[in-house]
Amino acid sequence: MNKAVLFGSTLLIGLVASVPAQADTWTIDTSHSHVGFSVAHLVVTKAKGQFNQFEGTVEIDEKDLTKSKVEVTIDAASIDTNDEKRDGHLKSPDFFDVQKHPKITFVSTRVKKLGKGKLAVVGNLTIAGKTKQVTLNVDGPSASVKDPWGNTRRALSATAVVNREDFGMTWNKALEAGGVVVGKEVTIQIEAELIAKK
């Protein structure tokens, strides 16, 4: 092999090696996913609910999971606690104020590995027009599987705890025996089934 060919081959190999591996993009299959929450109610129990309309994408870098990215958008008016009157109150300016702020968003800013199969996804959560940094503790992503229709799927689950008052949701009522009607801390629970974007 002459020097020119050898040099050209070496240069080509170097250029290919220097190109970063692109992350695979996955979309959230909303029909097989769940975005829920729970909050203390009357001190003695927990009220639970969910959002029925949401969408999102996850970019997974297999070679370096810390370079992965997450973006999720939730329709605030789709809140569902199985109580129409309570849902109406939650949509009001006392809480989500869905007329002024119809969307809840989460955009990741960095990802940290916590151990095998566990990640911490740090990002900006925007609710009712206020943005705070939160951390999602993630299990996954799982290994990929093929469904009967030729789609590639995988899954992950995530939890986070936020203070609703950080987002301007300060409404409450005191109880005669002590305590308040609604707790400050809200636990977020996410189960996401992902489909590889074609």
N, C-alpha and C. Protein backbone atom coordinates (compact mmCIF):
# COMPACT_ATOMS: atom_id res chain seq x y z
N MET A 1 0.86 -1.19 0.00
CA MET A 1 0.00 0.00 0.00
C MET A 1 0.89 1.23 0.00
N ASN A 2 0.64 2.17 -0.98
CA ASN A 2 1.49 3.36 -1.03
C ASN A 2 1.13 4.32 0.09
N LYS A 3 1.98 5.30 0.32
CA LYS A 3 1.83 6.21 1.45
C LYS A 3 0.56 7.04 1.37
N ALA A 4 0.17 7.42 0.13
CA ALA A 4 -1.02 8.25 -0.03
C ALA A 4 -2.27 7.50 0.38
N VAL A 5 -2.35 6.23 -0.06
CA VAL A 5 -3.52 5.41 0.30
C VAL A 5 -3.54 5.15 1.80
N LEU A 6 -2.36 4.85 2.35
CA LEU A 6 -2.26 4.59 3.78
C LEU A 6 -2.69 5.81 4.58
N PHE A 7 -2.24 6.98 4.15
CA PHE A 7 -2.59 8.21 4.86
C PHE A 7 -4.09 8.47 4.78
N GLY A 8 -4.66 8.24 3.56
CA GLY A 8 -6.10 8.46 3.37
C GLY A 8 -6.92 7.52 4.24
N SER A 9 -6.49 6.26 4.33
CA SER A 9 -7.22 5.28 5.14
C SER A 9 -7.15 5.65 6.62
N THR A 10 -5.97 6.06 7.05
CA THR A 10 -5.79 6.44 8.45
C THR A 10 -6.64 7.66 8.79
N LEU A 11 -6.70 8.63 7.88
CA LEU A 11 -7.49 9.84 8.09
C LEU A 11 -8.97 9.50 8.17
N LEU A 12 -9.44 8.61 7.28
CA LEU A 12 -10.85 8.22 7.27
C LEU A 12 -11.23 7.52 8.57
N ILE A 13 -10.37 6.60 9.00
CA ILE A 13 -10.64 5.89 10.26
C ILE A 13 -10.68 6.87 11.43
N GLY A 14 -9.79 7.85 11.41
CA GLY A 14 -9.75 8.84 12.48
C GLY A 14 -11.00 9.69 12.50
N LEU A 15 -11.49 10.06 11.31
CA LEU A 15 -12.70 10.88 11.24
C LEU A 15 -13.91 10.11 11.72
N VAL A 16 -14.03 8.85 11.32
CA VAL A 16 -15.15 8.02 11.74
C VAL A 16 -15.14 7.85 13.26
N ALA A 17 -13.95 7.61 13.80
CA ALA A 17 -13.83 7.39 15.24
C ALA A 17 -14.17 8.64 16.03
N SER A 18 -13.93 9.82 15.42
CA SER A 18 -14.16 11.06 16.15
C SER A 18 -15.63 11.49 16.14
N VAL A 19 -16.45 10.89 15.26
CA VAL A 19 -17.87 11.25 15.20
C VAL A 19 -18.59 10.63 16.38
N PRO A 20 -19.24 11.41 17.24
CA PRO A 20 -19.89 10.85 18.41
C PRO A 20 -21.07 9.97 18.02
N ALA A 21 -21.27 8.89 18.76
CA ALA A 21 -22.40 8.01 18.50
C ALA A 21 -23.68 8.75 18.80
N GLN A 22 -24.64 8.69 17.87
CA GLN A 22 -25.89 9.39 18.05
C GLN A 22 -26.82 8.58 18.93
N ALA A 23 -27.56 9.28 19.77
CA ALA A 23 -28.50 8.61 20.65
C ALA A 23 -29.72 8.16 19.87
N ASP A 24 -30.29 7.05 20.28
CA ASP A 24 -31.54 6.58 19.70
C ASP A 24 -32.68 7.37 20.32
N THR A 25 -33.66 7.75 19.49
CA THR A 25 -34.80 8.51 19.98
C THR A 25 -36.00 7.59 20.15
N TRP A 26 -36.63 7.71 21.31
CA TRP A 26 -37.80 6.91 21.66
C TRP A 26 -38.95 7.84 22.01
N THR A 27 -40.15 7.47 21.62
CA THR A 27 -41.33 8.24 22.00
C THR A 27 -42.11 7.47 23.07
N ILE A 28 -42.78 8.21 23.93
CA ILE A 28 -43.57 7.58 24.98
C ILE A 28 -44.89 7.08 24.39
N ASP A 29 -45.16 5.80 24.58
CA ASP A 29 -46.43 5.22 24.16
C ASP A 29 -47.45 5.53 25.25
N THR A 30 -48.26 6.55 25.03
CA THR A 30 -49.14 7.03 26.09
C THR A 30 -50.23 6.04 26.46
N SER A 31 -50.58 5.14 25.53
CA SER A 31 -51.63 4.16 25.84
C SER A 31 -51.13 3.07 26.77
N HIS A 32 -49.80 2.97 26.95
CA HIS A 32 -49.23 1.97 27.84
C HIS A 32 -48.32 2.61 28.89
N SER A 33 -48.58 3.87 29.19
CA SER A 33 -47.77 4.60 30.16
C SER A 33 -48.68 5.30 31.16
N HIS A 34 -48.08 5.74 32.25
CA HIS A 34 -48.87 6.33 33.34
C HIS A 34 -48.07 7.44 34.02
N VAL A 35 -48.73 8.59 34.20
CA VAL A 35 -48.13 9.70 34.95
C VAL A 35 -49.06 9.98 36.12
N GLY A 36 -48.64 9.59 37.32
CA GLY A 36 -49.50 9.72 38.49
C GLY A 36 -48.84 10.49 39.61
N PHE A 37 -49.62 10.76 40.65
CA PHE A 37 -49.09 11.49 41.80
C PHE A 37 -49.91 11.13 43.04
N SER A 38 -49.33 11.38 44.19
CA SER A 38 -50.04 11.19 45.46
C SER A 38 -49.62 12.28 46.43
N VAL A 39 -50.56 12.67 47.32
CA VAL A 39 -50.29 13.73 48.27
C VAL A 39 -51.09 13.45 49.54
N ALA A 40 -50.54 13.80 50.68
CA ALA A 40 -51.23 13.57 51.95
C ALA A 40 -52.55 14.35 51.99
N HIS A 41 -53.60 13.69 52.50
CA HIS A 41 -54.91 14.31 52.61
C HIS A 41 -55.44 14.11 54.03
N LEU A 42 -55.79 15.21 54.69
CA LEU A 42 -56.32 15.17 56.06
C LEU A 42 -55.39 14.44 57.03
N VAL A 43 -54.09 14.47 56.70
CA VAL A 43 -53.03 13.91 57.54
C VAL A 43 -53.05 12.38 57.56
N VAL A 44 -54.23 11.76 57.54
CA VAL A 44 -54.35 10.33 57.80
C VAL A 44 -54.25 9.44 56.56
N THR A 45 -54.36 10.01 55.36
CA THR A 45 -54.35 9.17 54.17
C THR A 45 -53.69 9.92 53.01
N LYS A 46 -53.72 9.31 51.83
CA LYS A 46 -53.16 9.95 50.64
C LYS A 46 -54.19 9.99 49.52
N ALA A 47 -54.28 11.14 48.88
CA ALA A 47 -55.11 11.27 47.68
C ALA A 47 -54.24 11.00 46.47
N LYS A 48 -54.78 10.27 45.51
CA LYS A 48 -54.00 9.92 44.32
C LYS A 48 -54.70 10.42 43.06
N GLY A 49 -53.91 10.67 42.05
CA GLY A 49 -54.46 11.11 40.78
C GLY A 49 -53.50 10.84 39.65
N GLN A 50 -53.89 11.27 38.46
CA GLN A 50 -53.06 11.06 37.29
C GLN A 50 -53.38 12.12 36.25
N PHE A 51 -52.52 12.18 35.24
CA PHE A 51 -52.77 13.03 34.07
C PHE A 51 -53.02 12.09 32.89
N ASN A 52 -54.12 12.32 32.19
CA ASN A 52 -54.51 11.40 31.13
C ASN A 52 -53.94 11.74 29.76
N GLN A 53 -53.43 12.95 29.60
CA GLN A 53 -52.89 13.36 28.30
C GLN A 53 -51.47 13.90 28.47
N PHE A 54 -50.55 13.28 27.77
CA PHE A 54 -49.15 13.70 27.84
C PHE A 54 -48.41 13.14 26.64
N GLU A 55 -47.23 13.64 26.40
CA GLU A 55 -46.37 13.15 25.32
C GLU A 55 -44.93 13.43 25.69
N GLY A 56 -44.02 12.70 25.05
CA GLY A 56 -42.62 12.94 25.37
C GLY A 56 -41.68 12.11 24.53
N THR A 57 -40.43 12.49 24.57
CA THR A 57 -39.37 11.76 23.87
C THR A 57 -38.21 11.52 24.82
N VAL A 58 -37.53 10.42 24.59
CA VAL A 58 -36.33 10.08 25.37
C VAL A 58 -35.23 9.73 24.40
N GLU A 59 -34.12 10.43 24.48
CA GLU A 59 -32.94 10.10 23.67
C GLU A 59 -31.99 9.30 24.54
N ILE A 60 -31.74 8.07 24.16
CA ILE A 60 -30.89 7.18 24.96
C ILE A 60 -29.56 6.95 24.26
N ASP A 61 -28.49 7.35 24.90
CA ASP A 61 -27.14 7.11 24.39
C ASP A 61 -26.63 5.84 25.04
N GLU A 62 -26.61 4.76 24.29
CA GLU A 62 -26.23 3.46 24.84
C GLU A 62 -24.79 3.42 25.33
N LYS A 63 -23.90 4.15 24.66
CA LYS A 63 -22.49 4.13 25.04
C LYS A 63 -22.21 4.96 26.28
N ASP A 64 -23.04 5.99 26.49
CA ASP A 64 -22.85 6.85 27.65
C ASP A 64 -24.22 7.38 28.07
N LEU A 65 -24.85 6.68 29.02
CA LEU A 65 -26.20 7.04 29.43
C LEU A 65 -26.29 8.45 30.00
N THR A 66 -25.17 8.99 30.49
CA THR A 66 -25.20 10.33 31.05
C THR A 66 -25.43 11.40 29.97
N LYS A 67 -25.35 11.01 28.72
CA LYS A 67 -25.62 11.93 27.61
C LYS A 67 -27.05 11.82 27.09
N SER A 68 -27.85 11.01 27.76
CA SER A 68 -29.24 10.85 27.35
C SER A 68 -30.06 12.09 27.71
N LYS A 69 -31.23 12.23 27.08
CA LYS A 69 -32.07 13.41 27.29
C LYS A 69 -33.53 13.00 27.38
N VAL A 70 -34.29 13.81 28.11
CA VAL A 70 -35.73 13.55 28.30
C VAL A 70 -36.50 14.85 28.15
N GLU A 71 -37.61 14.79 27.42
CA GLU A 71 -38.52 15.93 27.33
C GLU A 71 -39.95 15.41 27.41
N VAL A 72 -40.74 15.99 28.30
CA VAL A 72 -42.13 15.55 28.49
C VAL A 72 -43.03 16.77 28.60
N THR A 73 -44.20 16.69 27.96
CA THR A 73 -45.21 17.74 28.05
C THR A 73 -46.52 17.10 28.50
N ILE A 74 -47.15 17.70 29.50
CA ILE A 74 -48.39 17.17 30.07
C ILE A 74 -49.49 18.21 29.94
N ASP A 75 -50.67 17.77 29.56
CA ASP A 75 -51.84 18.64 29.50
C ASP A 75 -52.38 18.78 30.92
N ALA A 76 -52.20 19.95 31.53
CA ALA A 76 -52.60 20.15 32.93
C ALA A 76 -54.09 19.92 33.14
N ALA A 77 -54.91 20.25 32.15
CA ALA A 77 -56.36 20.09 32.28
C ALA A 77 -56.81 18.64 32.26
N SER A 78 -55.89 17.74 31.97
CA SER A 78 -56.24 16.31 31.93
C SER A 78 -56.11 15.65 33.28
N ILE A 79 -55.92 16.46 34.33
CA ILE A 79 -55.78 15.91 35.68
C ILE A 79 -57.04 15.14 36.06
N ASP A 80 -56.86 14.01 36.73
CA ASP A 80 -57.98 13.12 37.04
C ASP A 80 -57.75 12.48 38.41
N THR A 81 -58.58 12.87 39.37
CA THR A 81 -58.48 12.28 40.72
C THR A 81 -59.74 11.48 41.06
N ASN A 82 -60.52 11.19 40.04
CA ASN A 82 -61.76 10.43 40.21
C ASN A 82 -62.79 11.18 41.05
N ASP A 83 -62.71 12.51 41.01
CA ASP A 83 -63.67 13.35 41.73
C ASP A 83 -63.80 14.65 40.93
N GLU A 84 -64.93 14.83 40.27
CA GLU A 84 -65.11 15.97 39.36
C GLU A 84 -64.96 17.31 40.07
N LYS A 85 -65.54 17.43 41.26
CA LYS A 85 -65.45 18.69 42.01
C LYS A 85 -64.01 19.00 42.39
N ARG A 86 -63.29 17.99 42.87
CA ARG A 86 -61.89 18.19 43.25
C ARG A 86 -61.04 18.52 42.03
N ASP A 87 -61.31 17.84 40.92
CA ASP A 87 -60.56 18.13 39.69
C ASP A 87 -60.77 19.58 39.26
N GLY A 88 -62.01 20.07 39.40
CA GLY A 88 -62.29 21.46 39.05
C GLY A 88 -61.50 22.42 39.90
N HIS A 89 -61.38 22.11 41.20
CA HIS A 89 -60.59 22.97 42.09
C HIS A 89 -59.11 22.93 41.72
N LEU A 90 -58.62 21.74 41.38
CA LEU A 90 -57.21 21.61 41.01
C LEU A 90 -56.88 22.37 39.72
N LYS A 91 -57.86 22.52 38.85
CA LYS A 91 -57.64 23.26 37.60
C LYS A 91 -57.71 24.77 37.79
N SER A 92 -58.19 25.20 38.95
CA SER A 92 -58.41 26.63 39.22
C SER A 92 -57.09 27.34 39.56
N PRO A 93 -57.14 28.67 39.71
CA PRO A 93 -55.92 29.43 40.08
C PRO A 93 -55.34 29.04 41.44
N ASP A 94 -56.10 28.33 42.29
CA ASP A 94 -55.55 27.87 43.57
C ASP A 94 -54.44 26.85 43.36
N PHE A 95 -54.49 26.16 42.22
CA PHE A 95 -53.51 25.11 41.97
C PHE A 95 -52.88 25.27 40.58
N PHE A 96 -53.32 24.49 39.60
CA PHE A 96 -52.63 24.47 38.30
C PHE A 96 -52.97 25.65 37.40
N ASP A 97 -54.09 26.33 37.64
CA ASP A 97 -54.47 27.49 36.84
C ASP A 97 -54.36 27.19 35.34
N VAL A 98 -55.10 26.17 34.92
CA VAL A 98 -54.93 25.63 33.57
C VAL A 98 -55.30 26.61 32.46
N GLN A 99 -56.14 27.60 32.76
CA GLN A 99 -56.47 28.58 31.73
C GLN A 99 -55.26 29.41 31.34
N LYS A 100 -54.46 29.80 32.31
CA LYS A 100 -53.24 30.58 32.04
C LYS A 100 -52.04 29.70 31.72
N HIS A 101 -52.01 28.51 32.31
CA HIS A 101 -50.84 27.64 32.16
C HIS A 101 -51.29 26.22 31.78
N PRO A 102 -51.64 26.02 30.53
CA PRO A 102 -52.21 24.73 30.11
C PRO A 102 -51.23 23.56 30.08
N LYS A 103 -49.93 23.85 30.08
CA LYS A 103 -48.95 22.78 29.94
C LYS A 103 -48.02 22.67 31.15
N ILE A 104 -47.72 21.45 31.50
CA ILE A 104 -46.66 21.14 32.46
C ILE A 104 -45.51 20.53 31.65
N THR A 105 -44.29 20.97 31.86
CA THR A 105 -43.18 20.45 31.07
C THR A 105 -42.01 20.01 31.96
N PHE A 106 -41.29 19.04 31.47
CA PHE A 106 -40.04 18.62 32.10
C PHE A 106 -38.99 18.49 31.01
N VAL A 107 -37.85 19.16 31.19
CA VAL A 107 -36.74 19.09 30.23
C VAL A 107 -35.48 18.76 31.02
N SER A 108 -34.87 17.64 30.71
CA SER A 108 -33.67 17.23 31.45
C SER A 108 -32.49 18.14 31.14
N THR A 109 -31.63 18.30 32.14
CA THR A 109 -30.40 19.09 31.97
C THR A 109 -29.15 18.25 32.15
N ARG A 110 -29.26 17.15 32.91
CA ARG A 110 -28.13 16.23 33.03
C ARG A 110 -28.63 14.89 33.59
N VAL A 111 -27.83 13.87 33.35
CA VAL A 111 -28.17 12.52 33.80
C VAL A 111 -26.97 11.96 34.55
N LYS A 112 -27.24 11.34 35.70
CA LYS A 112 -26.17 10.74 36.50
C LYS A 112 -26.46 9.25 36.70
N LYS A 113 -25.42 8.44 36.63
CA LYS A 113 -25.57 7.01 36.89
C LYS A 113 -25.48 6.78 38.39
N LEU A 114 -26.44 6.04 38.93
CA LEU A 114 -26.46 5.75 40.37
C LEU A 114 -26.05 4.31 40.67
N GLY A 115 -26.02 3.48 39.67
CA GLY A 115 -25.71 2.08 39.85
C GLY A 115 -26.31 1.30 38.70
N LYS A 116 -26.20 0.01 38.74
CA LYS A 116 -26.70 -0.81 37.65
C LYS A 116 -28.21 -0.65 37.51
N GLY A 117 -28.63 -0.18 36.35
CA GLY A 117 -30.05 -0.03 36.08
C GLY A 117 -30.73 1.12 36.78
N LYS A 118 -29.93 2.05 37.35
CA LYS A 118 -30.52 3.18 38.06
C LYS A 118 -29.85 4.48 37.63
N LEU A 119 -30.69 5.50 37.39
CA LEU A 119 -30.21 6.80 36.96
C LEU A 119 -30.88 7.90 37.77
N ALA A 120 -30.22 9.05 37.84
CA ALA A 120 -30.83 10.27 38.36
C ALA A 120 -30.91 11.24 37.19
N VAL A 121 -32.12 11.59 36.81
CA VAL A 121 -32.32 12.52 35.70
C VAL A 121 -32.72 13.87 36.29
N VAL A 122 -31.82 14.82 36.18
CA VAL A 122 -32.04 16.17 36.72
C VAL A 122 -32.57 17.05 35.60
N GLY A 123 -33.58 17.85 35.93
CA GLY A 123 -34.13 18.71 34.89
C GLY A 123 -35.00 19.82 35.43
N ASN A 124 -35.52 20.62 34.52
CA ASN A 124 -36.37 21.74 34.87
C ASN A 124 -37.84 21.35 34.71
N LEU A 125 -38.56 21.41 35.82
CA LEU A 125 -40.00 21.11 35.83
C LEU A 125 -40.74 22.44 35.91
N THR A 126 -41.64 22.67 34.95
CA THR A 126 -42.43 23.89 34.93
C THR A 126 -43.89 23.57 35.17
N ILE A 127 -44.44 24.14 36.24
CA ILE A 127 -45.84 23.96 36.60
C ILE A 127 -46.41 25.33 36.93
N ALA A 128 -47.58 25.64 36.37
CA ALA A 128 -48.27 26.91 36.66
C ALA A 128 -47.35 28.11 36.44
N GLY A 129 -46.50 28.02 35.43
CA GLY A 129 -45.64 29.13 35.07
C GLY A 129 -44.38 29.28 35.89
N LYS A 130 -44.16 28.39 36.83
CA LYS A 130 -42.95 28.45 37.67
C LYS A 130 -42.06 27.24 37.39
N THR A 131 -40.76 27.48 37.27
CA THR A 131 -39.80 26.43 36.93
C THR A 131 -38.87 26.17 38.09
N LYS A 132 -38.74 24.90 38.45
CA LYS A 132 -37.84 24.48 39.52
C LYS A 132 -37.04 23.26 39.05
N GLN A 133 -35.85 23.11 39.59
CA GLN A 133 -35.04 21.93 39.28
C GLN A 133 -35.50 20.77 40.14
N VAL A 134 -35.74 19.64 39.52
CA VAL A 134 -36.12 18.43 40.25
C VAL A 134 -35.29 17.26 39.74
N THR A 135 -35.26 16.20 40.53
CA THR A 135 -34.53 15.00 40.15
C THR A 135 -35.47 13.82 40.08
N LEU A 136 -35.49 13.16 38.93
CA LEU A 136 -36.24 11.92 38.77
C LEU A 136 -35.32 10.75 39.06
N ASN A 137 -35.72 9.88 39.98
CA ASN A 137 -34.97 8.67 40.25
C ASN A 137 -35.51 7.57 39.34
N VAL A 138 -34.69 7.12 38.42
CA VAL A 138 -35.14 6.26 37.33
C VAL A 138 -34.62 4.83 37.49
N ASP A 139 -35.52 3.88 37.29
CA ASP A 139 -35.15 2.48 37.13
C ASP A 139 -35.26 2.16 35.64
N GLY A 140 -34.14 1.73 35.05
CA GLY A 140 -34.14 1.45 33.63
C GLY A 140 -33.10 2.32 32.92
N PRO A 141 -33.18 2.38 31.61
CA PRO A 141 -34.17 1.73 30.74
C PRO A 141 -33.96 0.22 30.64
N SER A 142 -35.04 -0.49 30.38
CA SER A 142 -34.97 -1.93 30.26
C SER A 142 -34.31 -2.33 28.94
N ALA A 143 -34.08 -3.61 28.79
CA ALA A 143 -33.60 -4.12 27.51
C ALA A 143 -34.69 -3.95 26.45
N SER A 144 -34.30 -3.90 25.19
CA SER A 144 -35.26 -3.73 24.09
C SER A 144 -35.93 -5.05 23.75
N VAL A 145 -37.20 -4.96 23.34
CA VAL A 145 -37.94 -6.13 22.87
C VAL A 145 -38.70 -5.74 21.60
N LYS A 146 -39.00 -6.72 20.78
CA LYS A 146 -39.81 -6.52 19.57
C LYS A 146 -41.25 -6.91 19.87
N ASP A 147 -42.19 -6.05 19.51
CA ASP A 147 -43.58 -6.43 19.69
C ASP A 147 -44.08 -7.17 18.44
N PRO A 148 -45.28 -7.74 18.46
CA PRO A 148 -45.77 -8.52 17.31
C PRO A 148 -45.95 -7.71 16.04
N TRP A 149 -45.90 -6.38 16.13
CA TRP A 149 -46.12 -5.53 14.96
C TRP A 149 -44.82 -4.93 14.43
N GLY A 150 -43.69 -5.42 14.94
CA GLY A 150 -42.39 -5.00 14.43
C GLY A 150 -41.80 -3.78 15.08
N ASN A 151 -42.44 -3.27 16.13
CA ASN A 151 -41.89 -2.11 16.84
C ASN A 151 -40.90 -2.55 17.91
N THR A 152 -39.88 -1.75 18.13
CA THR A 152 -38.92 -2.00 19.20
C THR A 152 -39.35 -1.20 20.41
N ARG A 153 -39.44 -1.86 21.56
CA ARG A 153 -39.93 -1.22 22.78
C ARG A 153 -38.98 -1.45 23.95
N ARG A 154 -39.03 -0.55 24.89
CA ARG A 154 -38.36 -0.71 26.17
C ARG A 154 -39.11 0.14 27.19
N ALA A 155 -38.74 0.05 28.44
CA ALA A 155 -39.52 0.73 29.47
C ALA A 155 -38.62 1.31 30.55
N LEU A 156 -39.17 2.23 31.31
CA LEU A 156 -38.51 2.77 32.48
C LEU A 156 -39.57 3.26 33.46
N SER A 157 -39.19 3.36 34.71
CA SER A 157 -40.07 3.93 35.73
C SER A 157 -39.29 5.00 36.48
N ALA A 158 -40.02 5.98 37.01
CA ALA A 158 -39.35 7.09 37.68
C ALA A 158 -40.22 7.64 38.81
N THR A 159 -39.56 8.15 39.83
CA THR A 159 -40.26 8.80 40.93
C THR A 159 -39.54 10.10 41.30
N ALA A 160 -40.29 11.02 41.86
CA ALA A 160 -39.71 12.27 42.36
C ALA A 160 -40.63 12.82 43.43
N VAL A 161 -40.08 13.62 44.31
CA VAL A 161 -40.87 14.30 45.34
C VAL A 161 -40.66 15.80 45.18
N VAL A 162 -41.77 16.54 45.07
CA VAL A 162 -41.69 17.99 44.92
C VAL A 162 -42.56 18.66 45.98
N ASN A 163 -42.23 19.89 46.29
CA ASN A 163 -43.03 20.70 47.19
C ASN A 163 -43.96 21.56 46.34
N ARG A 164 -45.26 21.34 46.45
CA ARG A 164 -46.20 22.05 45.59
C ARG A 164 -46.15 23.56 45.80
N GLU A 165 -45.76 23.99 47.00
CA GLU A 165 -45.69 25.43 47.27
C GLU A 165 -44.57 26.11 46.48
N ASP A 166 -43.57 25.33 46.05
CA ASP A 166 -42.52 25.88 45.18
C ASP A 166 -43.10 26.35 43.85
N PHE A 167 -44.26 25.83 43.49
CA PHE A 167 -44.90 26.19 42.22
C PHE A 167 -46.12 27.09 42.44
N GLY A 168 -46.16 27.73 43.61
CA GLY A 168 -47.21 28.69 43.89
C GLY A 168 -48.52 28.09 44.35
N MET A 169 -48.54 26.79 44.61
CA MET A 169 -49.78 26.12 45.05
C MET A 169 -49.82 26.11 46.57
N THR A 170 -50.26 27.22 47.14
CA THR A 170 -50.21 27.37 48.59
C THR A 170 -51.57 27.18 49.27
N TRP A 171 -52.61 26.94 48.49
CA TRP A 171 -53.95 26.80 49.08
C TRP A 171 -53.97 25.68 50.12
N ASN A 172 -54.65 25.94 51.24
CA ASN A 172 -54.80 24.91 52.26
C ASN A 172 -55.85 25.36 53.27
N LYS A 173 -56.23 24.44 54.15
CA LYS A 173 -57.11 24.74 55.27
C LYS A 173 -56.64 23.98 56.49
N ALA A 174 -56.66 24.67 57.63
CA ALA A 174 -56.21 24.03 58.87
C ALA A 174 -57.31 23.14 59.43
N LEU A 175 -56.89 22.08 60.11
CA LEU A 175 -57.82 21.16 60.76
C LEU A 175 -57.90 21.49 62.25
N GLU A 176 -59.07 21.28 62.84
CA GLU A 176 -59.26 21.58 64.26
C GLU A 176 -58.32 20.77 65.15
N ALA A 177 -58.06 19.54 64.75
CA ALA A 177 -57.21 18.66 65.55
C ALA A 177 -55.72 18.86 65.27
N GLY A 178 -55.41 19.80 64.39
CA GLY A 178 -54.02 20.03 63.99
C GLY A 178 -53.75 19.48 62.61
N GLY A 179 -52.78 20.07 61.94
CA GLY A 179 -52.49 19.64 60.58
C GLY A 179 -53.31 20.43 59.57
N VAL A 180 -53.18 20.04 58.31
CA VAL A 180 -53.87 20.74 57.23
C VAL A 180 -54.54 19.74 56.30
N VAL A 181 -55.41 20.25 55.44
CA VAL A 181 -56.16 19.39 54.52
C VAL A 181 -55.25 18.71 53.51
N VAL A 182 -54.32 19.48 52.91
CA VAL A 182 -53.47 18.95 51.83
C VAL A 182 -52.01 19.09 52.23
N GLY A 183 -51.23 18.03 52.06
CA GLY A 183 -49.81 18.07 52.35
C GLY A 183 -49.04 18.90 51.35
N LYS A 184 -47.85 19.31 51.74
CA LYS A 184 -47.00 20.09 50.84
C LYS A 184 -46.26 19.20 49.83
N GLU A 185 -45.81 18.04 50.29
CA GLU A 185 -45.00 17.17 49.43
C GLU A 185 -45.87 16.31 48.53
N VAL A 186 -45.53 16.31 47.26
CA VAL A 186 -46.25 15.51 46.26
C VAL A 186 -45.28 14.51 45.66
N THR A 187 -45.67 13.25 45.68
CA THR A 187 -44.85 12.20 45.08
C THR A 187 -45.33 11.94 43.66
N ILE A 188 -44.40 12.03 42.73
CA ILE A 188 -44.71 11.79 41.31
C ILE A 188 -44.26 10.38 40.96
N GLN A 189 -45.13 9.65 40.26
CA GLN A 189 -44.81 8.28 39.83
C GLN A 189 -45.05 8.15 38.34
N ILE A 190 -44.05 7.68 37.63
CA ILE A 190 -44.13 7.55 36.17
C ILE A 190 -43.77 6.14 35.74
N GLU A 191 -44.61 5.58 34.90
CA GLU A 191 -44.32 4.31 34.23
C GLU A 191 -44.38 4.58 32.73
N ALA A 192 -43.27 4.46 32.06
CA ALA A 192 -43.21 4.82 30.63
C ALA A 192 -42.79 3.64 29.77
N GLU A 193 -43.62 3.34 28.79
CA GLU A 193 -43.26 2.37 27.76
C GLU A 193 -42.85 3.16 26.53
N LEU A 194 -41.69 2.84 26.00
CA LEU A 194 -41.10 3.62 24.91
C LEU A 194 -41.11 2.83 23.61
N ILE A 195 -41.30 3.55 22.50
CA ILE A 195 -41.26 2.95 21.18
C ILE A 195 -40.13 3.63 20.40
N ALA A 196 -39.29 2.83 19.76
CA ALA A 196 -38.19 3.39 18.97
C ALA A 196 -38.75 4.18 17.80
N LYS A 197 -38.25 5.41 17.64
CA LYS A 197 -38.70 6.26 16.56
C LYS A 197 -38.10 5.77 15.25
N LYS A 198 -38.96 5.60 14.26
CA LYS A 198 -38.48 5.08 12.97
C LYS A 198 -38.09 6.20 12.04
